[in-house]
Amino acid sequence: MSNTATDFNDPINLQVMWNRLIFIADQADNVLGKTAFSPIVRENHDYVTVLLDSKGRALAQCTWSIPVFITSLPAAAQKYFLPKFPAETLAEGDVLATNDPEIGTGHLPDVTMITPIFKNGKVVAYAGSIAHLPDIGGAPLHAEASDIFEEGIRFPIVKLHKAGVPNQDVLDIIAASVRLPTEVQGDLESMIAANNVMGRELVKFLDEYGLDDIDGLAEAIHSRSEAQTRKAIKAWPNGRYSAQMTLDGYETDITLKATVIVGDDSIHVDYAGTSDQVLHSINCRTNYRYAHSVYALKCLLDPDTPNNEGCITPITDEAPLGSVLNPEQWTAGNSRNLIGHAIPSLIFRALEGVVPDKVMGDSGGAPIWAANCVGRRDDGSQYGSVQNFHGGQGARAEFDGLDTLSFPSNCKVTAIEMFEIAVPVLMERKELIADSGGAGKYRGGLGQRAILRNLGRSAMNIYLASERVRHPCFGVVDGQDGAPGKVSKEGRPQFPKGKVVLKTGERLEVETPGGGGWGKVSERPAALIEQDLAEGLITPRAAKLIYGYKGAAAVAAE
């Protein structure tokens, strides 16, 4: 096949080739996940694999990626990696990496890695991956740090491998700076392996189709994806649509404000009026903010087209410098998801009058609740592992919200059995919380109650990352709020973003928030109320008092 743009005009041929590129990214995903050393990568799937074209633009992304990575990896490639290391300065076997939050995803634990892909002695594409390492030195992952220097080691864009040879000096510095060197080094090697798989399979693909490079195919994919997004935008009425929301913040409430400006075929999101940056680690950097702006709008505009550069080109955003959504470089941000995960809900709220049938209620998994458990085993060795606890998803038009779902992130939770191996705990209870979903025509998803007990002989330090304790998840289109979250130790309330010390035998209890409802409570079908009662998702008392249900169960509850 000749290497011209006209080769990609046939829609069937283009779709087959496009699917093949996604499959290549998925192959790399499997390699990274199956070879990673740490539970947060191996079990939680807190990573991504992305195939980039010769200009560093996103071409294909693994199917089970995290939304924040939609834009952050290609942005890092185009703005930072390629200007510092142009293609002509690279050799086969080079591996570039950094964990600088300004370059990558906004916090130090995420390492962004790019590997050039060569064909006939020329860089034709790049393999990219990002993974959340189990430790990065500094204070353990939590929200208390007061600047970036407390949060861990930060390394600029460096060559981890030079022409296939490990840069041992750099790798030794990283290993010496973290609590879990074996897991950290293992995860880095898994990322390198995943990138190598993408490179190997792309060259096979090019050979199979008789192509010298990927640029013509990339242009076909990007142009069609961009046109699809612009077409979807044109279906919306031009205008300015605003909303605001309040989060618990660290010491004081945080206000997020957004104005979604819809033009003829483009959208701009302006976060003017948002609260100022704060002293602690919840500040949300530009790349992370933009990723969630794009993700929310893509969900509403064109959820079906696989993610690539063309999908995001018509969308821009901005936030005032010095705000919590555009902080100065020295600020702490390791727990930036506590703010950033709320952005899609804010945009949905702004657009509920434009596309009420597409928005969904605020989600209790926005943000993910996390408990970073750190300490020493009985033999004196160090342990550390993060467990996620998801709240209820917001309700949607025609559907109740899903229970205990991570949204907008799609991180899994570590299986209890694996977590109990990694950390000396016993998970005594995990159960749904009845009545925690926000009422509405469609009910918000339920939160969960989890209790863990320290089985070790030594005290365990648990660093909490949680939200929606003071300000619950809101409903949309007249739906009601979900239940707020709670954190307690031995029955005593705890600061939801603080450090909790569990002595031997002591218990930590978390209750994650329920999702917001969708639509008027009075319009909920009786059949759904009865189904919820039968499954124990709502109590007879709630059925009567909130929904006005007059069935036998409600009468019996009087």
Protein backbone atom coordinates (compact mmCIF):
# COMPACT_ATOMS: atom_id res chain seq x y z
CA MET A 1 0.00 0.00 0.00
CA SER A 2 1.39 3.43 -0.90
CA ASN A 3 1.87 5.88 1.94
CA THR A 4 -0.63 8.59 0.95
CA ALA A 5 -3.57 10.19 2.74
CA THR A 6 -5.98 8.87 0.08
CA ASP A 7 -5.36 5.34 1.32
CA PHE A 8 -7.41 6.12 4.44
CA ASN A 9 -10.56 7.46 2.81
CA ASP A 10 -12.31 4.11 2.79
CA PRO A 11 -14.26 4.06 6.08
CA ILE A 12 -14.07 0.29 6.57
CA ASN A 13 -10.33 0.19 5.98
CA LEU A 14 -9.84 3.18 8.25
CA GLN A 15 -11.89 1.63 11.05
CA VAL A 16 -9.99 -1.65 10.83
CA MET A 17 -6.64 0.15 11.03
CA TRP A 18 -7.85 2.42 13.82
CA ASN A 19 -9.05 -0.54 15.87
CA ARG A 20 -5.68 -2.19 15.35
CA LEU A 21 -3.92 0.84 16.86
CA ILE A 22 -6.19 0.73 19.89
CA PHE A 23 -5.46 -2.98 20.21
CA ILE A 24 -1.75 -2.18 20.23
CA ALA A 25 -2.31 0.22 23.15
CA ASP A 26 -4.40 -2.47 24.87
CA GLN A 27 -1.60 -5.02 24.42
CA ALA A 28 0.74 -2.63 26.22
CA ASP A 29 -1.92 -2.14 28.90
CA ASN A 30 -1.95 -5.89 29.55
CA VAL A 31 1.83 -6.02 29.81
CA LEU A 32 2.01 -3.13 32.27
CA GLY A 33 -0.81 -4.41 34.46
CA LYS A 34 0.36 -8.01 34.56
CA THR A 35 4.02 -7.26 35.28
CA ALA A 36 3.69 -4.31 37.70
CA PHE A 37 4.96 -4.85 41.24
CA SER A 38 2.74 -2.51 43.29
CA PRO A 39 -0.98 -3.04 44.06
CA ILE A 40 -1.89 0.51 43.03
CA VAL A 41 -0.72 -0.22 39.49
CA ARG A 42 -1.37 -3.94 39.25
CA GLU A 43 -4.74 -4.05 41.07
CA ASN A 44 -6.10 -0.49 40.86
CA HIS A 45 -5.16 0.07 37.19
CA ASP A 46 -3.86 3.55 37.98
CA TYR A 47 -1.98 3.85 34.71
CA VAL A 48 -2.40 4.40 30.98
CA THR A 49 -0.75 3.43 27.70
CA VAL A 50 -1.00 5.80 24.74
CA LEU A 51 0.30 5.66 21.19
CA LEU A 52 1.42 9.07 19.89
CA ASP A 53 2.17 10.16 16.34
CA SER A 54 5.46 11.70 15.24
CA LYS A 55 4.34 15.11 16.53
CA GLY A 56 3.42 13.78 19.97
CA ARG A 57 -0.32 13.91 19.35
CA ALA A 58 -2.54 11.25 20.90
CA LEU A 59 -3.42 8.62 18.31
CA ALA A 60 -4.75 5.65 20.28
CA GLN A 61 -5.31 5.09 23.97
CA CYS A 62 -5.87 1.90 25.92
CA THR A 63 -9.51 1.09 26.49
CA TRP A 64 -9.39 1.06 30.32
CA SER A 65 -7.55 4.31 30.81
CA ILE A 66 -8.18 7.02 33.40
CA PRO A 67 -9.84 10.21 32.08
CA VAL A 68 -7.10 12.51 33.41
CA PHE A 69 -4.72 10.84 30.98
CA ILE A 70 -6.82 11.79 27.93
CA THR A 71 -4.83 14.97 27.48
CA SER A 72 -1.94 14.99 29.94
CA LEU A 73 0.41 12.63 28.13
CA PRO A 74 0.17 14.22 24.66
CA ALA A 75 0.37 17.67 26.23
CA ALA A 76 3.54 16.65 28.04
CA ALA A 77 5.01 15.26 24.82
CA GLN A 78 4.26 18.33 22.72
CA LYS A 79 5.07 21.04 25.26
CA TYR A 80 8.04 19.52 27.08
CA PHE A 81 9.46 16.17 25.93
CA LEU A 82 9.86 16.87 22.22
CA PRO A 83 11.21 20.43 22.61
CA LYS A 84 13.85 19.17 25.06
CA PHE A 85 14.65 16.02 23.10
CA PRO A 86 13.87 16.57 19.38
CA ALA A 87 13.60 13.43 17.28
CA GLU A 88 17.03 13.90 15.73
CA THR A 89 18.67 13.76 19.18
CA LEU A 90 17.14 10.39 20.08
CA ALA A 91 18.45 6.88 19.55
CA GLU A 92 16.70 3.54 19.47
CA GLY A 93 16.34 2.28 23.03
CA ASP A 94 16.11 5.73 24.62
CA VAL A 95 13.49 6.05 27.37
CA LEU A 96 12.48 9.50 28.59
CA ALA A 97 10.68 10.07 31.89
CA THR A 98 9.72 12.68 34.47
CA ASN A 99 7.42 13.04 37.45
CA ASP A 100 7.33 16.85 37.37
CA PRO A 101 3.67 17.71 38.12
CA GLU A 102 3.76 20.78 35.88
CA ILE A 103 4.67 18.53 32.95
CA GLY A 104 2.60 15.46 33.73
CA THR A 105 -0.61 14.90 35.64
CA GLY A 106 -0.29 17.37 38.49
CA HIS A 107 1.26 15.29 41.25
CA LEU A 108 4.61 13.66 41.95
CA PRO A 109 3.61 9.97 42.23
CA ASP A 110 2.68 9.85 38.52
CA VAL A 111 5.63 9.15 36.23
CA THR A 112 5.21 10.14 32.59
CA MET A 113 7.34 8.04 30.21
CA ILE A 114 7.86 8.33 26.46
CA THR A 115 9.82 6.01 24.16
CA PRO A 116 10.59 6.88 20.52
CA ILE A 117 9.55 4.33 17.90
CA PHE A 118 11.93 3.98 14.96
CA LYS A 119 11.42 2.62 11.45
CA ASN A 120 14.18 2.73 8.86
CA GLY A 121 16.30 4.83 11.20
CA LYS A 122 13.63 7.53 11.64
CA VAL A 123 11.31 8.36 14.55
CA VAL A 124 7.83 7.61 13.24
CA ALA A 125 5.86 7.68 16.51
CA TYR A 126 6.14 7.57 20.30
CA ALA A 127 4.95 5.09 22.88
CA GLY A 128 3.76 6.74 26.07
CA SER A 129 2.69 5.55 29.50
CA ILE A 130 1.88 7.04 32.89
CA ALA A 131 1.70 5.12 36.15
CA HIS A 132 1.09 6.06 39.77
CA LEU A 133 4.07 4.78 41.74
CA PRO A 134 3.46 3.37 45.24
CA ASP A 135 5.88 5.84 46.81
CA ILE A 136 7.90 8.84 45.70
CA GLY A 137 9.67 9.76 48.93
CA GLY A 138 8.91 12.82 51.05
CA ALA A 139 5.89 12.64 53.30
CA PRO A 140 3.54 9.71 52.54
CA LEU A 141 0.82 10.53 50.03
CA HIS A 142 -1.67 12.75 51.86
CA ALA A 143 -3.17 16.24 51.84
CA GLU A 144 -1.17 17.90 54.64
CA ALA A 145 2.01 19.03 52.82
CA SER A 146 2.49 22.79 52.57
CA ASP A 147 4.65 22.91 49.42
CA ILE A 148 5.82 20.64 46.63
CA PHE A 149 9.20 20.05 48.26
CA GLU A 150 7.59 18.15 51.14
CA GLU A 151 5.79 15.81 48.77
CA GLY A 152 8.71 13.77 47.43
CA ILE A 153 11.55 13.60 44.96
CA ARG A 154 11.03 15.46 41.68
CA PHE A 155 13.12 14.61 38.66
CA PRO A 156 13.09 16.53 35.36
CA ILE A 157 12.84 14.89 31.95
CA VAL A 158 15.75 12.44 31.95
CA LYS A 159 16.82 9.41 29.97
CA LEU A 160 16.11 6.38 32.14
CA HIS A 161 17.63 4.32 29.34
CA LYS A 162 20.20 5.56 26.82
CA ALA A 163 20.24 3.56 23.59
CA GLY A 164 18.87 0.57 25.50
CA VAL A 165 21.30 0.81 28.43
CA PRO A 166 19.82 1.67 31.87
CA ASN A 167 20.93 5.03 33.26
CA GLN A 168 21.88 3.46 36.56
CA ASP A 169 22.85 6.72 38.29
CA VAL A 170 19.33 8.10 37.87
CA LEU A 171 17.67 4.82 38.80
CA ASP A 172 19.82 4.56 41.93
CA ILE A 173 18.86 8.07 43.03
CA ILE A 174 15.17 7.23 42.66
CA ALA A 175 15.56 3.93 44.53
CA ALA A 176 17.43 5.62 47.37
CA SER A 177 14.72 8.26 47.77
CA VAL A 178 11.65 6.04 48.23
CA ARG A 179 10.34 3.71 50.93
CA LEU A 180 9.51 0.88 48.53
CA PRO A 181 12.43 0.70 46.09
CA THR A 182 11.67 -2.80 44.82
CA GLU A 183 8.07 -1.93 43.94
CA VAL A 184 9.01 1.44 42.43
CA GLN A 185 11.79 0.02 40.26
CA GLY A 186 9.57 -2.88 39.24
CA ASP A 187 6.79 -0.56 38.13
CA LEU A 188 9.22 1.57 36.11
CA GLU A 189 10.49 -1.55 34.33
CA SER A 190 6.88 -2.55 33.61
CA MET A 191 6.29 0.84 31.99
CA ILE A 192 9.41 0.42 29.86
CA ALA A 193 8.25 -3.03 28.79
CA ALA A 194 4.78 -1.73 27.90
CA ASN A 195 6.26 1.04 25.75
CA ASN A 196 8.51 -1.48 24.01
CA VAL A 197 5.48 -3.61 23.17
CA MET A 198 3.77 -0.62 21.55
CA GLY A 199 6.89 0.09 19.52
CA ARG A 200 7.31 -3.51 18.39
CA GLU A 201 3.66 -3.93 17.41
CA LEU A 202 3.44 -0.60 15.59
CA VAL A 203 6.42 -1.48 13.40
CA LYS A 204 4.73 -4.81 12.60
CA PHE A 205 1.58 -2.90 11.71
CA LEU A 206 3.44 -0.53 9.40
CA ASP A 207 5.20 -3.43 7.69
CA GLU A 208 1.93 -5.29 7.23
CA TYR A 209 0.30 -2.31 5.51
CA GLY A 210 3.40 -1.25 3.59
CA LEU A 211 3.63 2.13 5.34
CA ASP A 212 6.79 4.08 6.04
CA ASP A 213 5.21 6.20 8.77
CA ILE A 214 1.96 6.77 10.65
CA ASP A 215 1.35 10.43 9.76
CA GLY A 216 -1.23 9.93 7.02
CA LEU A 217 -3.31 7.60 9.18
CA ALA A 218 -2.98 9.98 12.12
CA GLU A 219 -4.27 12.87 10.04
CA ALA A 220 -7.27 10.82 8.92
CA ILE A 221 -8.14 9.84 12.50
CA HIS A 222 -7.61 13.31 13.94
CA SER A 223 -9.54 15.18 11.23
CA ARG A 224 -12.57 12.91 11.43
CA SER A 225 -12.62 12.97 15.22
CA GLU A 226 -12.35 16.75 15.33
CA ALA A 227 -15.14 17.10 12.76
CA GLN A 228 -17.37 14.81 14.83
CA THR A 229 -16.82 16.88 17.97
CA ARG A 230 -17.48 20.16 16.17
CA LYS A 231 -20.65 18.71 14.66
CA ALA A 232 -21.89 17.78 18.13
CA ILE A 233 -21.13 21.26 19.45
CA LYS A 234 -23.13 22.85 16.62
CA ALA A 235 -26.23 21.03 17.91
CA TRP A 236 -26.05 23.03 21.15
CA PRO A 237 -27.35 26.61 21.35
CA ASN A 238 -24.62 29.24 21.55
CA GLY A 239 -24.41 30.86 24.96
CA ARG A 240 -22.76 31.17 28.34
CA TYR A 241 -23.82 28.62 30.95
CA SER A 242 -22.57 28.98 34.52
CA ALA A 243 -22.59 27.04 37.77
CA GLN A 244 -20.74 26.82 41.04
CA MET A 245 -20.25 24.24 43.76
CA THR A 246 -18.80 24.11 47.25
CA LEU A 247 -16.33 21.50 48.47
CA ASP A 248 -15.04 20.81 51.97
CA GLY A 249 -11.52 21.90 51.06
CA TYR A 250 -8.81 21.44 53.66
CA GLU A 251 -9.35 23.96 56.47
CA THR A 252 -11.99 26.10 54.75
CA ASP A 253 -14.57 25.59 52.02
CA ILE A 254 -13.50 25.71 48.38
CA THR A 255 -15.74 27.28 45.76
CA LEU A 256 -15.44 26.17 42.15
CA LYS A 257 -17.09 28.32 39.48
CA ALA A 258 -17.34 27.56 35.78
CA THR A 259 -18.80 29.32 32.76
CA VAL A 260 -19.13 27.08 29.74
CA ILE A 261 -19.02 29.26 26.64
CA VAL A 262 -20.53 27.47 23.64
CA GLY A 263 -19.61 28.89 20.23
CA ASP A 264 -20.52 27.79 16.73
CA ASP A 265 -18.19 24.80 16.75
CA SER A 266 -15.99 25.22 19.82
CA ILE A 267 -16.31 25.38 23.60
CA HIS A 268 -14.32 27.32 26.15
CA VAL A 269 -14.60 26.80 29.91
CA ASP A 270 -13.70 29.74 32.15
CA TYR A 271 -13.14 29.08 35.86
CA ALA A 272 -13.03 32.74 36.90
CA GLY A 273 -14.32 33.22 40.45
CA THR A 274 -12.86 29.95 41.73
CA SER A 275 -11.21 30.02 45.18
CA ASP A 276 -7.55 30.90 45.57
CA GLN A 277 -4.83 28.28 45.87
CA VAL A 278 -4.39 26.84 49.34
CA LEU A 279 -1.44 25.93 51.52
CA HIS A 280 -2.06 22.19 51.44
CA SER A 281 -1.92 19.43 48.81
CA ILE A 282 -5.27 19.84 47.08
CA ASN A 283 -4.20 22.36 44.43
CA CYS A 284 -5.07 21.27 40.90
CA ARG A 285 -2.57 22.05 38.14
CA THR A 286 -3.37 23.06 34.57
CA ASN A 287 -2.98 19.72 32.77
CA TYR A 288 -5.10 17.93 35.36
CA ARG A 289 -7.81 20.59 35.23
CA TYR A 290 -7.96 20.59 31.45
CA ALA A 291 -8.20 16.81 31.30
CA HIS A 292 -11.33 16.83 33.43
CA SER A 293 -12.83 19.74 31.48
CA VAL A 294 -12.38 17.78 28.27
CA TYR A 295 -13.61 14.52 29.76
CA ALA A 296 -16.87 16.03 31.02
CA LEU A 297 -17.63 17.64 27.67
CA LYS A 298 -16.69 14.56 25.68
CA CYS A 299 -19.13 12.51 27.78
CA LEU A 300 -21.90 14.90 26.74
CA LEU A 301 -20.87 15.55 23.14
CA ASP A 302 -19.37 12.39 21.70
CA PRO A 303 -18.86 9.53 24.15
CA ASP A 304 -18.40 6.87 21.45
CA THR A 305 -15.39 8.05 19.43
CA PRO A 306 -12.18 6.56 20.86
CA ASN A 307 -10.04 9.20 22.58
CA ASN A 308 -7.45 10.92 20.43
CA GLU A 309 -6.10 14.40 19.77
CA GLY A 310 -8.86 15.35 17.35
CA CYS A 311 -11.56 14.91 19.99
CA ILE A 312 -10.10 17.59 22.24
CA THR A 313 -8.98 20.20 19.70
CA PRO A 314 -12.26 22.19 19.78
CA ILE A 315 -12.20 22.49 23.59
CA THR A 316 -10.17 24.98 25.63
CA ASP A 317 -10.24 26.19 29.22
CA GLU A 318 -8.62 28.68 31.57
CA ALA A 319 -8.44 29.50 35.27
CA PRO A 320 -7.00 32.54 37.08
CA LEU A 321 -3.34 32.18 38.01
CA GLY A 322 -3.07 31.67 41.74
CA SER A 323 -6.42 29.91 41.99
CA VAL A 324 -6.85 26.35 43.24
CA LEU A 325 -7.31 25.35 39.58
CA ASN A 326 -4.16 27.12 38.37
CA PRO A 327 -1.76 27.31 41.32
CA GLU A 328 1.78 28.61 41.39
CA GLN A 329 4.54 26.08 40.78
CA TRP A 330 5.74 25.81 44.39
CA THR A 331 2.35 24.77 45.75
CA ALA A 332 1.56 21.27 47.01
CA GLY A 333 -0.75 19.12 44.92
CA ASN A 334 -0.31 15.41 45.62
CA SER A 335 -4.01 15.15 46.55
CA ARG A 336 -5.20 17.28 43.63
CA ASN A 337 -7.89 14.73 42.76
CA LEU A 338 -9.88 15.95 45.79
CA ILE A 339 -10.59 19.07 43.72
CA GLY A 340 -10.08 17.96 40.13
CA HIS A 341 -12.48 15.02 40.26
CA ALA A 342 -15.33 17.45 40.99
CA ILE A 343 -14.89 19.35 37.70
CA PRO A 344 -17.15 17.08 35.58
CA SER A 345 -20.00 17.45 38.08
CA LEU A 346 -19.57 21.23 37.97
CA ILE A 347 -19.75 21.25 34.16
CA PHE A 348 -22.76 18.93 34.18
CA ARG A 349 -24.50 21.33 36.56
CA ALA A 350 -23.73 24.26 34.27
CA LEU A 351 -25.23 22.42 31.29
CA GLU A 352 -28.28 20.77 32.88
CA GLY A 353 -30.51 23.34 31.18
CA VAL A 354 -28.93 22.64 27.79
CA VAL A 355 -28.79 18.83 27.78
CA PRO A 356 -30.83 17.67 30.81
CA ASP A 357 -31.15 14.17 29.36
CA LYS A 358 -27.35 13.73 29.24
CA VAL A 359 -26.10 15.18 32.52
CA MET A 360 -25.96 13.16 35.70
CA GLY A 361 -26.04 13.97 39.38
CA ASP A 362 -22.91 14.73 41.37
CA SER A 363 -21.02 11.56 42.27
CA GLY A 364 -19.74 10.30 45.62
CA GLY A 365 -16.78 8.83 43.76
CA ALA A 366 -15.79 12.38 42.84
CA PRO A 367 -13.28 12.36 44.35
CA ILE A 368 -12.09 8.85 45.09
CA TRP A 369 -11.76 8.26 48.80
CA ALA A 370 -8.36 6.80 49.63
CA ALA A 371 -6.60 5.46 52.68
CA ASN A 372 -2.81 5.32 52.36
CA CYS A 373 -1.68 2.77 54.96
CA VAL A 374 1.99 3.04 55.97
CA GLY A 375 4.00 1.33 58.70
CA ARG A 376 6.37 -1.51 59.56
CA ARG A 377 5.66 -5.21 59.62
CA ASP A 378 6.47 -7.36 62.60
CA ASP A 379 9.81 -8.28 60.98
CA GLY A 380 10.74 -4.59 60.70
CA SER A 381 10.24 -4.25 56.94
CA GLN A 382 8.38 -1.24 55.55
CA TYR A 383 4.91 -1.54 54.03
CA GLY A 384 2.72 0.92 52.22
CA SER A 385 -0.39 0.56 50.12
CA VAL A 386 -3.38 2.67 49.11
CA GLN A 387 -6.93 1.35 49.23
CA ASN A 388 -9.69 3.17 47.39
CA PHE A 389 -13.25 3.47 48.64
CA HIS A 390 -15.81 4.61 46.08
CA GLY A 391 -19.02 6.49 46.71
CA GLY A 392 -22.28 6.33 44.73
CA GLN A 393 -22.49 7.51 41.14
CA GLY A 394 -24.91 10.29 40.33
CA ALA A 395 -28.22 9.34 38.75
CA ARG A 396 -28.83 9.78 35.02
CA ALA A 397 -31.87 10.23 32.83
CA GLU A 398 -33.58 6.84 32.75
CA PHE A 399 -31.12 5.14 35.12
CA ASP A 400 -30.33 5.08 38.82
CA GLY A 401 -26.72 5.81 39.67
CA LEU A 402 -24.46 2.81 40.12
CA ASP A 403 -23.42 1.95 43.66
CA THR A 404 -19.83 2.51 44.84
CA LEU A 405 -18.43 3.52 41.47
CA SER A 406 -15.31 5.53 40.73
CA PHE A 407 -16.29 8.52 38.62
CA PRO A 408 -14.79 10.44 36.86
CA SER A 409 -11.75 8.29 37.48
CA ASN A 410 -12.22 4.64 36.65
CA CYS A 411 -9.67 3.28 39.12
CA LYS A 412 -10.45 -0.13 40.50
CA VAL A 413 -10.10 -1.03 44.15
CA THR A 414 -7.47 -3.43 45.38
CA ALA A 415 -9.11 -6.80 46.06
CA ILE A 416 -9.51 -7.23 49.81
CA GLU A 417 -7.43 -10.40 49.77
CA MET A 418 -4.54 -8.63 48.02
CA PHE A 419 -4.80 -5.59 50.28
CA GLU A 420 -4.68 -7.77 53.39
CA ILE A 421 -1.50 -9.36 52.02
CA ALA A 422 0.12 -5.98 51.31
CA VAL A 423 -0.89 -4.42 54.64
CA PRO A 424 -1.48 -6.05 58.06
CA VAL A 425 -5.20 -5.30 58.26
CA LEU A 426 -8.44 -7.19 58.45
CA MET A 427 -11.30 -5.70 56.44
CA GLU A 428 -14.10 -6.48 58.88
CA ARG A 429 -16.96 -5.05 56.89
CA LYS A 430 -17.87 -3.67 53.46
CA GLU A 431 -21.55 -2.98 52.90
CA LEU A 432 -23.88 -0.63 51.05
CA ILE A 433 -25.47 2.17 53.09
CA ALA A 434 -29.25 2.17 52.70
CA ASP A 435 -30.85 5.57 51.93
CA SER A 436 -27.48 7.16 51.02
CA GLY A 437 -28.37 7.73 47.37
CA GLY A 438 -29.98 11.08 46.55
CA ALA A 439 -33.69 10.80 45.86
CA GLY A 440 -35.21 11.67 42.51
CA LYS A 441 -37.06 10.25 39.55
CA TYR A 442 -33.86 8.26 39.34
CA ARG A 443 -31.95 7.61 42.55
CA GLY A 444 -28.27 8.31 43.13
CA GLY A 445 -25.97 5.36 43.70
CA LEU A 446 -25.33 4.19 47.26
CA GLY A 447 -22.20 4.82 49.26
CA GLN A 448 -20.49 2.13 51.28
CA ARG A 449 -19.44 1.48 54.86
CA ALA A 450 -16.03 -0.14 55.37
CA ILE A 451 -14.27 -1.06 58.62
CA LEU A 452 -10.63 -2.08 58.76
CA ARG A 453 -8.65 -3.21 61.82
CA ASN A 454 -4.90 -3.05 62.40
CA LEU A 455 -3.54 -6.56 62.95
CA GLY A 456 0.12 -5.55 63.23
CA ARG A 457 2.09 -5.27 66.44
CA SER A 458 3.12 -1.73 65.52
CA ALA A 459 0.96 1.33 64.99
CA MET A 460 -0.27 1.98 61.46
CA ASN A 461 -0.34 5.48 59.99
CA ILE A 462 -3.31 6.01 57.70
CA TYR A 463 -3.30 9.14 55.55
CA LEU A 464 -6.85 10.00 54.51
CA ALA A 465 -8.02 11.63 51.30
CA SER A 466 -11.76 12.21 51.42
CA GLU A 467 -14.37 14.82 50.54
CA ARG A 468 -18.12 15.52 50.71
CA VAL A 469 -18.26 15.25 54.48
CA ARG A 470 -19.69 18.73 55.03
CA HIS A 471 -21.06 19.32 51.54
CA PRO A 472 -22.91 16.31 50.06
CA CYS A 473 -23.27 15.46 46.39
CA PHE A 474 -25.96 17.53 44.69
CA GLY A 475 -28.74 16.33 42.42
CA VAL A 476 -29.59 17.70 38.98
CA VAL A 477 -32.83 18.44 37.14
CA ASP A 478 -34.56 18.78 40.56
CA GLY A 479 -32.96 15.66 42.03
CA GLN A 480 -31.98 15.68 45.72
CA ASP A 481 -28.62 15.51 47.46
CA GLY A 482 -27.00 12.24 48.45
CA ALA A 483 -25.87 11.47 51.99
CA PRO A 484 -22.54 12.98 53.13
CA GLY A 485 -19.51 10.89 54.01
CA LYS A 486 -18.03 10.14 57.45
CA VAL A 487 -14.69 9.02 58.87
CA SER A 488 -14.24 7.73 62.42
CA LYS A 489 -11.79 5.78 64.57
CA GLU A 490 -13.29 3.66 67.31
CA GLY A 491 -16.49 5.70 66.94
CA ARG A 492 -14.77 9.10 67.19
CA PRO A 493 -14.96 11.46 64.17
CA GLN A 494 -11.66 12.09 62.40
CA PHE A 495 -10.38 14.91 60.19
CA PRO A 496 -11.18 13.53 56.71
CA LYS A 497 -7.91 14.74 55.17
CA GLY A 498 -5.65 14.03 58.11
CA LYS A 499 -3.41 11.36 59.52
CA VAL A 500 -4.98 8.68 61.70
CA VAL A 501 -2.81 6.46 63.88
CA LEU A 502 -4.29 3.01 64.44
CA LYS A 503 -2.80 1.09 67.32
CA THR A 504 -2.94 -2.69 67.35
CA GLY A 505 -6.57 -3.82 67.26
CA GLU A 506 -8.03 -0.38 66.59
CA ARG A 507 -10.55 0.17 63.81
CA LEU A 508 -11.06 2.81 61.15
CA GLU A 509 -14.57 3.22 59.73
CA VAL A 510 -15.36 5.09 56.52
CA GLU A 511 -18.74 5.89 55.03
CA THR A 512 -18.51 7.17 51.47
CA PRO A 513 -21.01 9.69 50.07
CA GLY A 514 -24.08 8.76 48.05
CA GLY A 515 -24.63 10.14 44.56
CA GLY A 516 -27.06 12.93 43.72
CA GLY A 517 -30.47 12.19 42.25
CA TRP A 518 -31.90 13.07 38.83
CA GLY A 519 -35.39 14.45 38.31
CA LYS A 520 -38.29 15.10 40.63
CA VAL A 521 -38.91 12.71 43.51
CA SER A 522 -42.65 12.75 42.79
CA GLU A 523 -42.02 11.19 39.37
CA ARG A 524 -40.22 8.07 40.60
CA PRO A 525 -42.16 4.98 39.47
CA ALA A 526 -43.66 2.95 42.31
CA ALA A 527 -42.15 -0.20 40.80
CA LEU A 528 -38.62 1.19 41.35
CA ILE A 529 -39.43 2.15 44.93
CA GLU A 530 -40.72 -1.35 45.60
CA GLN A 531 -37.64 -2.87 44.01
CA ASP A 532 -35.38 -0.72 46.21
CA LEU A 533 -37.32 -1.79 49.28
CA ALA A 534 -37.08 -5.46 48.34
CA GLU A 535 -33.31 -5.17 47.87
CA GLY A 536 -32.77 -3.12 51.03
CA LEU A 537 -31.44 -0.08 49.15
CA ILE A 538 -33.93 2.22 50.86
CA THR A 539 -35.73 1.79 54.18
CA PRO A 540 -39.52 1.75 54.55
CA ARG A 541 -39.24 5.01 56.49
CA ALA A 542 -37.44 6.72 53.59
CA ALA A 543 -39.93 5.31 51.10
CA LYS A 544 -42.75 6.94 53.03
CA LEU A 545 -41.17 10.23 54.08
CA ILE A 546 -39.12 11.03 50.97
CA TYR A 547 -41.07 9.38 48.16
CA GLY A 548 -44.56 9.45 49.69
CA TYR A 549 -44.86 5.73 49.06
CA LYS A 550 -48.03 4.26 50.58
CA GLY A 551 -47.44 0.56 49.96
CA ALA A 552 -47.58 -2.19 52.57
CA ALA A 553 -43.93 -1.78 53.61
CA ALA A 554 -44.40 1.91 54.34
CA VAL A 555 -47.57 1.25 56.34
CA ALA A 556 -45.76 -1.40 58.38
CA ALA A 557 -43.03 1.12 59.19
CA GLU A 558 -45.45 3.54 60.84
